[in-house]
Amino acid sequence: MSTQRIESNIKAVTVRTLHDMKQRHDKIVCLTAYDASFAALLDEVEIDVVLVGDSLGMVVQGESSTLPVTVDHIIYHGRAVARACKRALVMQDMPFMSYATPDQALHSAARLMQEGGAHMVKLEGTANQENIVRRLSDCGIPVCAHLGLRPQFVHKLGGYRVQGREQDGAAALLRDATHLEQAGADVLLLECVPSILAQEITANVRIPVIGIGAGNGCDGQVLVLYDMLGITPGKRPRFSKDFLAGGNTVRGAIESFRRDVKNGAFPSAEHSFQ
């Protein structure tokens, strides 16, 4: 997949690109995609990172959580997305229980990169996953560490709840972020974290921080594509926004999301937590 990106003469987004964007205060724009058609559109609109998320379990497969998603599922959808992306960095989720040990994590991540065309893998965890992140990093696998609300831990966390509102929880998240950076994580993703805490974490790590429901003080933003197009069944998450409302086209909605992230208009207080 990387060969195709080089041969296209398009300046591809890399891990270094994302780190440079943080230094320039140039917001990173990320959206999910699960097929080649949407991925090609995101690439044309110059979305920086395309995430093949295990959210596909809920928005594509109709499951009640992300837990049933497997490595094979991510590979199937990831290959389609990777074929279509000439510019964007393709990040792929490591599904539930696919990285319980360093050896298992390495095997799963290798499959996502070799078979799925991933340029980076994302895993949910805390400082307890330091050894896993370090193992992947030592083997040359770029890692995004997902902190805050971790959907794969929904039963352990007691539901989809904002994380880090209490003093102890906030201190733990800041500690986790620092430890995972030191272990070799290339990017952090913060989900459903109070805006002030997310801003503090972003300022205290050197690596880029992408937020979802974490305020506009992060280095970038991600949304589930189907949420921001208003086509996900049921109630849309508070941190999301229907960019297709008002008669916009799909392409126009994606362009609006990119523009609003870049200029800091999204997320507003309405789409953040205190």
C-alpha atoms as a PDB file:
ATOM      1  CA  MET A   1       0.000   0.000   0.000  1.00  0.00           C
ATOM      2  CA  SER A   2       2.823   2.396   0.800  1.00  0.00           C
ATOM      3  CA  THR A   3       4.307   1.822  -2.676  1.00  0.00           C
ATOM      4  CA  GLN A   4       1.072   3.016  -4.290  1.00  0.00           C
ATOM      5  CA  ARG A   5       1.189   6.212  -2.230  1.00  0.00           C
ATOM      6  CA  ILE A   6       4.780   6.943  -3.297  1.00  0.00           C
ATOM      7  CA  GLU A   7       4.182   6.219  -6.979  1.00  0.00           C
ATOM      8  CA  SER A   8       1.119   8.495  -7.164  1.00  0.00           C
ATOM      9  CA  ASN A   9       3.320  11.633  -6.747  1.00  0.00           C
ATOM     10  CA  ILE A  10       0.872  12.851  -4.108  1.00  0.00           C
ATOM     11  CA  LYS A  11       2.462  14.031  -0.863  1.00  0.00           C
ATOM     12  CA  ALA A  12       1.183  11.398   1.522  1.00  0.00           C
ATOM     13  CA  VAL A  13       0.398  12.117   5.154  1.00  0.00           C
ATOM     14  CA  THR A  14       2.804  10.282   7.458  1.00  0.00           C
ATOM     15  CA  VAL A  15       3.476  10.099  11.193  1.00  0.00           C
ATOM     16  CA  ARG A  16       6.048  12.863  10.711  1.00  0.00           C
ATOM     17  CA  THR A  17       3.430  14.990   8.936  1.00  0.00           C
ATOM     18  CA  LEU A  18       1.127  14.725  11.946  1.00  0.00           C
ATOM     19  CA  HIS A  19       3.917  15.675  14.357  1.00  0.00           C
ATOM     20  CA  ASP A  20       4.816  18.668  12.174  1.00  0.00           C
ATOM     21  CA  MET A  21       1.161  19.727  12.102  1.00  0.00           C
ATOM     22  CA  LYS A  22       1.107  19.799  15.899  1.00  0.00           C
ATOM     23  CA  GLN A  23       4.148  22.051  15.929  1.00  0.00           C
ATOM     24  CA  ARG A  24       2.555  24.396  13.356  1.00  0.00           C
ATOM     25  CA  HIS A  25      -0.797  24.384  15.200  1.00  0.00           C
ATOM     26  CA  ASP A  26      -2.379  23.080  11.991  1.00  0.00           C
ATOM     27  CA  LYS A  27      -5.415  21.053  13.071  1.00  0.00           C
ATOM     28  CA  ILE A  28      -5.466  17.373  12.089  1.00  0.00           C
ATOM     29  CA  VAL A  29      -8.728  16.244  10.473  1.00  0.00           C
ATOM     30  CA  CYS A  30      -9.815  12.614  10.827  1.00  0.00           C
ATOM     31  CA  LEU A  31     -12.938  10.712   9.798  1.00  0.00           C
ATOM     32  CA  THR A  32     -13.871   7.032   9.722  1.00  0.00           C
ATOM     33  CA  ALA A  33     -14.439   5.081   6.509  1.00  0.00           C
ATOM     34  CA  TYR A  34     -15.254   1.440   5.884  1.00  0.00           C
ATOM     35  CA  ASP A  35     -15.332   1.182   2.068  1.00  0.00           C
ATOM     36  CA  ALA A  36     -13.460   2.391  -1.000  1.00  0.00           C
ATOM     37  CA  SER A  37     -16.054   4.898  -2.233  1.00  0.00           C
ATOM     38  CA  PHE A  38     -16.232   6.935   0.953  1.00  0.00           C
ATOM     39  CA  ALA A  39     -12.483   6.581   1.468  1.00  0.00           C
ATOM     40  CA  ALA A  40     -11.779   7.998  -2.002  1.00  0.00           C
ATOM     41  CA  LEU A  41     -14.044  10.966  -1.273  1.00  0.00           C
ATOM     42  CA  LEU A  42     -12.333  11.661   2.054  1.00  0.00           C
ATOM     43  CA  ASP A  43      -8.969  11.461   0.322  1.00  0.00           C
ATOM     44  CA  GLU A  44     -10.056  13.947  -2.366  1.00  0.00           C
ATOM     45  CA  VAL A  45     -11.291  16.410   0.261  1.00  0.00           C
ATOM     46  CA  GLU A  46      -7.874  16.076   1.957  1.00  0.00           C
ATOM     47  CA  ILE A  47      -8.931  14.501   5.213  1.00  0.00           C
ATOM     48  CA  ASP A  48      -5.591  13.870   6.909  1.00  0.00           C
ATOM     49  CA  VAL A  49      -6.324  10.567   8.655  1.00  0.00           C
ATOM     50  CA  VAL A  50      -8.895   7.957   7.639  1.00  0.00           C
ATOM     51  CA  LEU A  51      -9.783   5.613  10.470  1.00  0.00           C
ATOM     52  CA  VAL A  52     -11.111   2.129   9.823  1.00  0.00           C
ATOM     53  CA  GLY A  53     -12.752   1.963  13.217  1.00  0.00           C
ATOM     54  CA  ASP A  54     -14.304  -0.940  15.038  1.00  0.00           C
ATOM     55  CA  SER A  55     -17.306   1.410  15.099  1.00  0.00           C
ATOM     56  CA  LEU A  56     -18.150  -0.504  11.911  1.00  0.00           C
ATOM     57  CA  GLY A  57     -19.668  -3.103  14.220  1.00  0.00           C
ATOM     58  CA  MET A  58     -22.388  -0.638  15.199  1.00  0.00           C
ATOM     59  CA  VAL A  59     -22.854   1.556  12.095  1.00  0.00           C
ATOM     60  CA  VAL A  60     -22.285  -1.099   9.400  1.00  0.00           C
ATOM     61  CA  GLN A  61     -23.035  -4.461  11.015  1.00  0.00           C
ATOM     62  CA  GLY A  62     -25.852  -3.305  13.310  1.00  0.00           C
ATOM     63  CA  GLU A  63     -24.303  -4.642  16.505  1.00  0.00           C
ATOM     64  CA  SER A  64     -25.051  -3.044  19.886  1.00  0.00           C
ATOM     65  CA  SER A  65     -21.339  -2.497  20.636  1.00  0.00           C
ATOM     66  CA  THR A  66     -17.915  -2.775  19.019  1.00  0.00           C
ATOM     67  CA  LEU A  67     -17.061  -6.010  20.835  1.00  0.00           C
ATOM     68  CA  PRO A  68     -18.086  -8.506  18.099  1.00  0.00           C
ATOM     69  CA  VAL A  69     -15.708  -6.943  15.547  1.00  0.00           C
ATOM     70  CA  THR A  70     -12.758  -9.175  14.625  1.00  0.00           C
ATOM     71  CA  VAL A  71      -9.339  -8.667  13.084  1.00  0.00           C
ATOM     72  CA  ASP A  72     -10.649 -10.275   9.886  1.00  0.00           C
ATOM     73  CA  HIS A  73     -13.451  -7.700   9.733  1.00  0.00           C
ATOM     74  CA  ILE A  74     -10.998  -4.806  10.063  1.00  0.00           C
ATOM     75  CA  ILE A  75      -8.734  -6.319   7.410  1.00  0.00           C
ATOM     76  CA  TYR A  76     -11.622  -6.748   4.966  1.00  0.00           C
ATOM     77  CA  HIS A  77     -12.789  -3.138   5.309  1.00  0.00           C
ATOM     78  CA  GLY A  78      -9.251  -1.810   5.743  1.00  0.00           C
ATOM     79  CA  ARG A  79      -8.056  -3.208   2.429  1.00  0.00           C
ATOM     80  CA  ALA A  80     -10.874  -1.464   0.595  1.00  0.00           C
ATOM     81  CA  VAL A  81     -10.089   1.836   2.320  1.00  0.00           C
ATOM     82  CA  ALA A  82      -6.326   1.553   1.817  1.00  0.00           C
ATOM     83  CA  ARG A  83      -6.755   0.953  -1.923  1.00  0.00           C
ATOM     84  CA  ALA A  84      -8.635   4.243  -2.232  1.00  0.00           C
ATOM     85  CA  CYS A  85      -6.381   6.463  -0.102  1.00  0.00           C
ATOM     86  CA  LYS A  86      -3.511   8.051  -2.014  1.00  0.00           C
ATOM     87  CA  ARG A  87      -2.870  10.922   0.425  1.00  0.00           C
ATOM     88  CA  ALA A  88      -4.482  10.156   3.779  1.00  0.00           C
ATOM     89  CA  LEU A  89      -2.815   8.154   6.510  1.00  0.00           C
ATOM     90  CA  VAL A  90      -4.873   5.004   7.085  1.00  0.00           C
ATOM     91  CA  MET A  91      -5.316   4.114  10.746  1.00  0.00           C
ATOM     92  CA  GLN A  92      -6.994   0.842  11.717  1.00  0.00           C
ATOM     93  CA  ASP A  93      -8.465  -0.256  15.022  1.00  0.00           C
ATOM     94  CA  MET A  94      -7.216  -3.300  16.855  1.00  0.00           C
ATOM     95  CA  PRO A  95     -10.432  -5.082  17.897  1.00  0.00           C
ATOM     96  CA  PHE A  96     -11.441  -6.273  21.341  1.00  0.00           C
ATOM     97  CA  MET A  97      -9.121  -8.980  22.736  1.00  0.00           C
ATOM     98  CA  SER A  98      -6.765  -8.828  19.758  1.00  0.00           C
ATOM     99  CA  TYR A  99      -3.935  -7.325  21.842  1.00  0.00           C
ATOM    100  CA  ALA A 100      -4.223  -8.900  25.294  1.00  0.00           C
ATOM    101  CA  THR A 101      -0.507  -9.773  25.320  1.00  0.00           C
ATOM    102  CA  PRO A 102       2.505  -8.248  23.531  1.00  0.00           C
ATOM    103  CA  ASP A 103       2.865 -11.305  21.280  1.00  0.00           C
ATOM    104  CA  GLN A 104      -0.819 -11.319  20.357  1.00  0.00           C
ATOM    105  CA  ALA A 105      -0.721  -7.573  19.742  1.00  0.00           C
ATOM    106  CA  LEU A 106       2.272  -7.909  17.455  1.00  0.00           C
ATOM    107  CA  HIS A 107       0.591 -10.691  15.473  1.00  0.00           C
ATOM    108  CA  SER A 108      -2.664  -8.710  15.120  1.00  0.00           C
ATOM    109  CA  ALA A 109      -0.938  -5.449  14.198  1.00  0.00           C
ATOM    110  CA  ALA A 110       1.268  -7.183  11.643  1.00  0.00           C
ATOM    111  CA  ARG A 111      -1.831  -8.612   9.975  1.00  0.00           C
ATOM    112  CA  LEU A 112      -3.504  -5.193   9.850  1.00  0.00           C
ATOM    113  CA  MET A 113      -0.446  -3.705   8.168  1.00  0.00           C
ATOM    114  CA  GLN A 114       0.431  -6.587   5.849  1.00  0.00           C
ATOM    115  CA  GLU A 115      -3.085  -7.695   4.892  1.00  0.00           C
ATOM    116  CA  GLY A 116      -5.180  -4.619   5.665  1.00  0.00           C
ATOM    117  CA  GLY A 117      -2.857  -1.913   4.371  1.00  0.00           C
ATOM    118  CA  ALA A 118      -2.767   0.031   7.656  1.00  0.00           C
ATOM    119  CA  HIS A 119      -0.187   2.773   8.156  1.00  0.00           C
ATOM    120  CA  MET A 120      -0.946   2.974  11.887  1.00  0.00           C
ATOM    121  CA  VAL A 121      -2.876   0.865  14.386  1.00  0.00           C
ATOM    122  CA  LYS A 122      -5.027   2.151  17.248  1.00  0.00           C
ATOM    123  CA  LEU A 123      -5.554   0.388  20.542  1.00  0.00           C
ATOM    124  CA  GLU A 124      -7.573   1.265  23.622  1.00  0.00           C
ATOM    125  CA  GLY A 125      -5.700   1.250  26.869  1.00  0.00           C
ATOM    126  CA  THR A 126      -4.015   2.898  29.826  1.00  0.00           C
ATOM    127  CA  ALA A 127      -0.502   2.856  31.214  1.00  0.00           C
ATOM    128  CA  ASN A 128      -1.131  -0.866  31.746  1.00  0.00           C
ATOM    129  CA  GLN A 129      -0.635  -1.275  27.983  1.00  0.00           C
ATOM    130  CA  GLU A 130       2.850   0.300  28.085  1.00  0.00           C
ATOM    131  CA  ASN A 131       4.583  -2.990  27.332  1.00  0.00           C
ATOM    132  CA  ILE A 132       2.287  -3.636  24.375  1.00  0.00           C
ATOM    133  CA  VAL A 133       2.816  -0.165  22.895  1.00  0.00           C
ATOM    134  CA  ARG A 134       6.567  -0.488  23.407  1.00  0.00           C
ATOM    135  CA  ARG A 135       6.654  -3.892  21.690  1.00  0.00           C
ATOM    136  CA  LEU A 136       4.789  -2.595  18.646  1.00  0.00           C
ATOM    137  CA  SER A 137       6.878   0.569  18.484  1.00  0.00           C
ATOM    138  CA  ASP A 138      10.135  -1.381  18.757  1.00  0.00           C
ATOM    139  CA  CYS A 139       9.001  -3.447  15.753  1.00  0.00           C
ATOM    140  CA  GLY A 140       8.345  -0.345  13.638  1.00  0.00           C
ATOM    141  CA  ILE A 141       4.568  -0.262  13.957  1.00  0.00           C
ATOM    142  CA  PRO A 142       3.093   3.234  14.430  1.00  0.00           C
ATOM    143  CA  VAL A 143       0.614   3.299  17.312  1.00  0.00           C
ATOM    144  CA  CYS A 144      -2.274   5.536  18.308  1.00  0.00           C
ATOM    145  CA  ALA A 145      -3.247   5.059  21.978  1.00  0.00           C
ATOM    146  CA  HIS A 146      -6.949   5.632  22.716  1.00  0.00           C
ATOM    147  CA  LEU A 147      -7.679   7.088  26.181  1.00  0.00           C
ATOM    148  CA  GLY A 148     -10.747   8.340  28.033  1.00  0.00           C
ATOM    149  CA  LEU A 149     -13.986   6.617  27.095  1.00  0.00           C
ATOM    150  CA  ARG A 150     -12.890   3.296  25.633  1.00  0.00           C
ATOM    151  CA  PRO A 151     -15.832   1.567  23.906  1.00  0.00           C
ATOM    152  CA  GLN A 152     -14.193  -1.870  24.149  1.00  0.00           C
ATOM    153  CA  PHE A 153     -14.213  -1.416  27.946  1.00  0.00           C
ATOM    154  CA  VAL A 154     -17.853  -0.276  28.055  1.00  0.00           C
ATOM    155  CA  HIS A 155     -18.944  -3.002  30.465  1.00  0.00           C
ATOM    156  CA  LYS A 156     -15.989  -2.380  32.765  1.00  0.00           C
ATOM    157  CA  LEU A 157     -16.568   1.396  32.696  1.00  0.00           C
ATOM    158  CA  GLY A 158     -20.284   1.013  33.409  1.00  0.00           C
ATOM    159  CA  GLY A 159     -21.527   2.483  30.141  1.00  0.00           C
ATOM    160  CA  TYR A 160     -20.680   5.297  27.735  1.00  0.00           C
ATOM    161  CA  ARG A 161     -19.698   7.955  30.273  1.00  0.00           C
ATOM    162  CA  VAL A 162     -17.416  10.990  30.298  1.00  0.00           C
ATOM    163  CA  GLN A 163     -14.045  10.098  31.824  1.00  0.00           C
ATOM    164  CA  GLY A 164     -11.730  12.265  33.941  1.00  0.00           C
ATOM    165  CA  ARG A 165     -14.253  14.533  35.661  1.00  0.00           C
ATOM    166  CA  GLU A 166     -13.042  13.583  39.140  1.00  0.00           C
ATOM    167  CA  GLN A 167      -9.612  14.697  40.334  1.00  0.00           C
ATOM    168  CA  ASP A 168      -8.238  11.152  40.612  1.00  0.00           C
ATOM    169  CA  GLY A 169      -9.531  10.207  37.174  1.00  0.00           C
ATOM    170  CA  ALA A 170      -8.054  13.329  35.608  1.00  0.00           C
ATOM    171  CA  ALA A 171      -4.667  12.671  37.187  1.00  0.00           C
ATOM    172  CA  ALA A 172      -4.768   9.062  35.963  1.00  0.00           C
ATOM    173  CA  LEU A 173      -5.503  10.139  32.384  1.00  0.00           C
ATOM    174  CA  LEU A 174      -2.638  12.629  32.405  1.00  0.00           C
ATOM    175  CA  ARG A 175      -0.322   9.942  33.791  1.00  0.00           C
ATOM    176  CA  ASP A 176      -1.516   7.404  31.218  1.00  0.00           C
ATOM    177  CA  ALA A 177      -0.895   9.852  28.371  1.00  0.00           C
ATOM    178  CA  THR A 178       2.656  10.545  29.535  1.00  0.00           C
ATOM    179  CA  HIS A 179       3.495   6.868  30.060  1.00  0.00           C
ATOM    180  CA  LEU A 180       2.123   5.825  26.661  1.00  0.00           C
ATOM    181  CA  GLU A 181       4.067   8.583  24.933  1.00  0.00           C
ATOM    182  CA  GLN A 182       7.237   7.393  26.658  1.00  0.00           C
ATOM    183  CA  ALA A 183       6.448   3.827  25.595  1.00  0.00           C
ATOM    184  CA  GLY A 184       6.469   4.914  21.939  1.00  0.00           C
ATOM    185  CA  ALA A 185       2.916   5.905  21.058  1.00  0.00           C
ATOM    186  CA  ASP A 186       2.958   8.213  18.020  1.00  0.00           C
ATOM    187  CA  VAL A 187      -0.518   9.714  18.499  1.00  0.00           C
ATOM    188  CA  LEU A 188      -3.078   9.897  21.300  1.00  0.00           C
ATOM    189  CA  LEU A 189      -6.842   9.855  20.875  1.00  0.00           C
ATOM    190  CA  LEU A 190      -8.999  11.263  23.685  1.00  0.00           C
ATOM    191  CA  GLU A 191     -12.694  10.373  23.754  1.00  0.00           C
ATOM    192  CA  CYS A 192     -15.315  11.981  26.009  1.00  0.00           C
ATOM    193  CA  VAL A 193     -12.925  13.889  28.241  1.00  0.00           C
ATOM    194  CA  PRO A 194     -13.597  17.332  29.787  1.00  0.00           C
ATOM    195  CA  SER A 195     -12.269  20.094  27.524  1.00  0.00           C
ATOM    196  CA  ILE A 196      -9.936  21.591  30.136  1.00  0.00           C
ATOM    197  CA  LEU A 197      -8.348  18.210  30.866  1.00  0.00           C
ATOM    198  CA  ALA A 198      -7.937  17.406  27.169  1.00  0.00           C
ATOM    199  CA  GLN A 199      -6.251  20.767  26.638  1.00  0.00           C
ATOM    200  CA  GLU A 200      -3.876  20.081  29.538  1.00  0.00           C
ATOM    201  CA  ILE A 201      -2.957  16.652  28.186  1.00  0.00           C
ATOM    202  CA  THR A 202      -2.398  18.104  24.709  1.00  0.00           C
ATOM    203  CA  ALA A 203      -0.038  20.716  26.137  1.00  0.00           C
ATOM    204  CA  ASN A 204       1.893  18.178  28.219  1.00  0.00           C
ATOM    205  CA  VAL A 205       2.772  15.658  25.496  1.00  0.00           C
ATOM    206  CA  ARG A 206       4.903  16.142  22.414  1.00  0.00           C
ATOM    207  CA  ILE A 207       2.850  13.819  20.227  1.00  0.00           C
ATOM    208  CA  PRO A 208      -0.374  14.873  18.453  1.00  0.00           C
ATOM    209  CA  VAL A 209      -3.653  14.496  20.331  1.00  0.00           C
ATOM    210  CA  ILE A 210      -6.859  13.871  18.361  1.00  0.00           C
ATOM    211  CA  GLY A 211     -10.104  14.447  20.201  1.00  0.00           C
ATOM    212  CA  ILE A 212     -13.669  13.231  19.960  1.00  0.00           C
ATOM    213  CA  GLY A 213     -15.913  14.809  22.539  1.00  0.00           C
ATOM    214  CA  ALA A 214     -12.797  16.360  24.094  1.00  0.00           C
ATOM    215  CA  GLY A 215     -13.139  20.027  23.159  1.00  0.00           C
ATOM    216  CA  ASN A 216     -11.272  22.100  20.604  1.00  0.00           C
ATOM    217  CA  GLY A 217      -8.007  22.332  22.553  1.00  0.00           C
ATOM    218  CA  CYS A 218      -6.742  19.094  20.975  1.00  0.00           C
ATOM    219  CA  ASP A 219      -4.413  18.998  17.970  1.00  0.00           C
ATOM    220  CA  GLY A 220      -7.152  17.487  15.800  1.00  0.00           C
ATOM    221  CA  GLN A 221     -10.651  16.046  15.675  1.00  0.00           C
ATOM    222  CA  VAL A 222     -12.262  12.787  14.596  1.00  0.00           C
ATOM    223  CA  LEU A 223     -15.887  11.798  14.091  1.00  0.00           C
ATOM    224  CA  VAL A 224     -17.639   8.680  12.889  1.00  0.00           C
ATOM    225  CA  LEU A 225     -18.533   9.460   9.265  1.00  0.00           C
ATOM    226  CA  TYR A 226     -22.087   8.162   9.560  1.00  0.00           C
ATOM    227  CA  ASP A 227     -22.686  10.295  12.659  1.00  0.00           C
ATOM    228  CA  MET A 228     -21.571  13.524  10.986  1.00  0.00           C
ATOM    229  CA  LEU A 229     -23.719  12.711   7.956  1.00  0.00           C
ATOM    230  CA  GLY A 230     -26.725  12.133  10.234  1.00  0.00           C
ATOM    231  CA  ILE A 231     -27.408   8.626   8.951  1.00  0.00           C
ATOM    232  CA  THR A 232     -26.555   6.566  12.031  1.00  0.00           C
ATOM    233  CA  PRO A 233     -29.782   5.031  13.406  1.00  0.00           C
ATOM    234  CA  GLY A 234     -30.881   6.224  16.825  1.00  0.00           C
ATOM    235  CA  LYS A 235     -29.667   9.150  18.873  1.00  0.00           C
ATOM    236  CA  ARG A 236     -26.560  10.922  17.620  1.00  0.00           C
ATOM    237  CA  PRO A 237     -23.772  11.336  20.224  1.00  0.00           C
ATOM    238  CA  ARG A 238     -23.745  14.777  21.837  1.00  0.00           C
ATOM    239  CA  PHE A 239     -20.180  15.425  20.670  1.00  0.00           C
ATOM    240  CA  SER A 240     -21.137  14.897  17.024  1.00  0.00           C
ATOM    241  CA  LYS A 241     -22.851  17.269  14.582  1.00  0.00           C
ATOM    242  CA  ASP A 242     -24.970  16.608  11.519  1.00  0.00           C
ATOM    243  CA  PHE A 243     -22.967  18.401   8.817  1.00  0.00           C
ATOM    244  CA  LEU A 244     -25.380  17.175   6.139  1.00  0.00           C
ATOM    245  CA  ALA A 245     -28.342  19.052   7.645  1.00  0.00           C
ATOM    246  CA  GLY A 246     -29.720  21.939   5.631  1.00  0.00           C
ATOM    247  CA  GLY A 247     -29.611  20.298   2.217  1.00  0.00           C
ATOM    248  CA  ASN A 248     -25.844  20.031   1.878  1.00  0.00           C
ATOM    249  CA  THR A 249     -24.265  17.360  -0.328  1.00  0.00           C
ATOM    250  CA  VAL A 250     -22.197  14.539   1.152  1.00  0.00           C
ATOM    251  CA  ARG A 251     -19.048  16.084  -0.288  1.00  0.00           C
ATOM    252  CA  GLY A 252     -20.089  19.501   0.993  1.00  0.00           C
ATOM    253  CA  ALA A 253     -20.717  18.111   4.469  1.00  0.00           C
ATOM    254  CA  ILE A 254     -17.234  16.571   4.577  1.00  0.00           C
ATOM    255  CA  GLU A 255     -15.699  19.818   3.302  1.00  0.00           C
ATOM    256  CA  SER A 256     -17.602  21.741   5.992  1.00  0.00           C
ATOM    257  CA  PHE A 257     -16.314  19.407   8.688  1.00  0.00           C
ATOM    258  CA  ARG A 258     -12.745  19.845   7.456  1.00  0.00           C
ATOM    259  CA  ARG A 259     -13.079  23.614   7.299  1.00  0.00           C
ATOM    260  CA  ASP A 260     -14.678  23.885  10.755  1.00  0.00           C
ATOM    261  CA  VAL A 261     -11.986  21.720  12.358  1.00  0.00           C
ATOM    262  CA  LYS A 262      -9.202  23.659  10.656  1.00  0.00           C
ATOM    263  CA  ASN A 263     -10.513  27.061  11.759  1.00  0.00           C
ATOM    264  CA  GLY A 264     -11.487  25.925  15.254  1.00  0.00           C
ATOM    265  CA  ALA A 265     -15.244  26.337  14.810  1.00  0.00           C
ATOM    266  CA  PHE A 266     -15.800  22.653  15.589  1.00  0.00           C
ATOM    267  CA  PRO A 267     -16.191  21.407  18.194  1.00  0.00           C
ATOM    268  CA  SER A 268     -18.033  24.221  19.948  1.00  0.00           C
ATOM    269  CA  ALA A 269     -19.058  24.146  23.616  1.00  0.00           C
ATOM    270  CA  GLU A 270     -22.270  22.465  22.481  1.00  0.00           C
ATOM    271  CA  HIS A 271     -20.281  19.444  21.317  1.00  0.00           C
ATOM    272  CA  SER A 272     -17.889  19.313  24.295  1.00  0.00           C
ATOM    273  CA  PHE A 273     -17.942  18.336  27.956  1.00  0.00           C
ATOM    274  CA  GLN A 274     -17.021  20.359  31.035  1.00  0.00           C
END
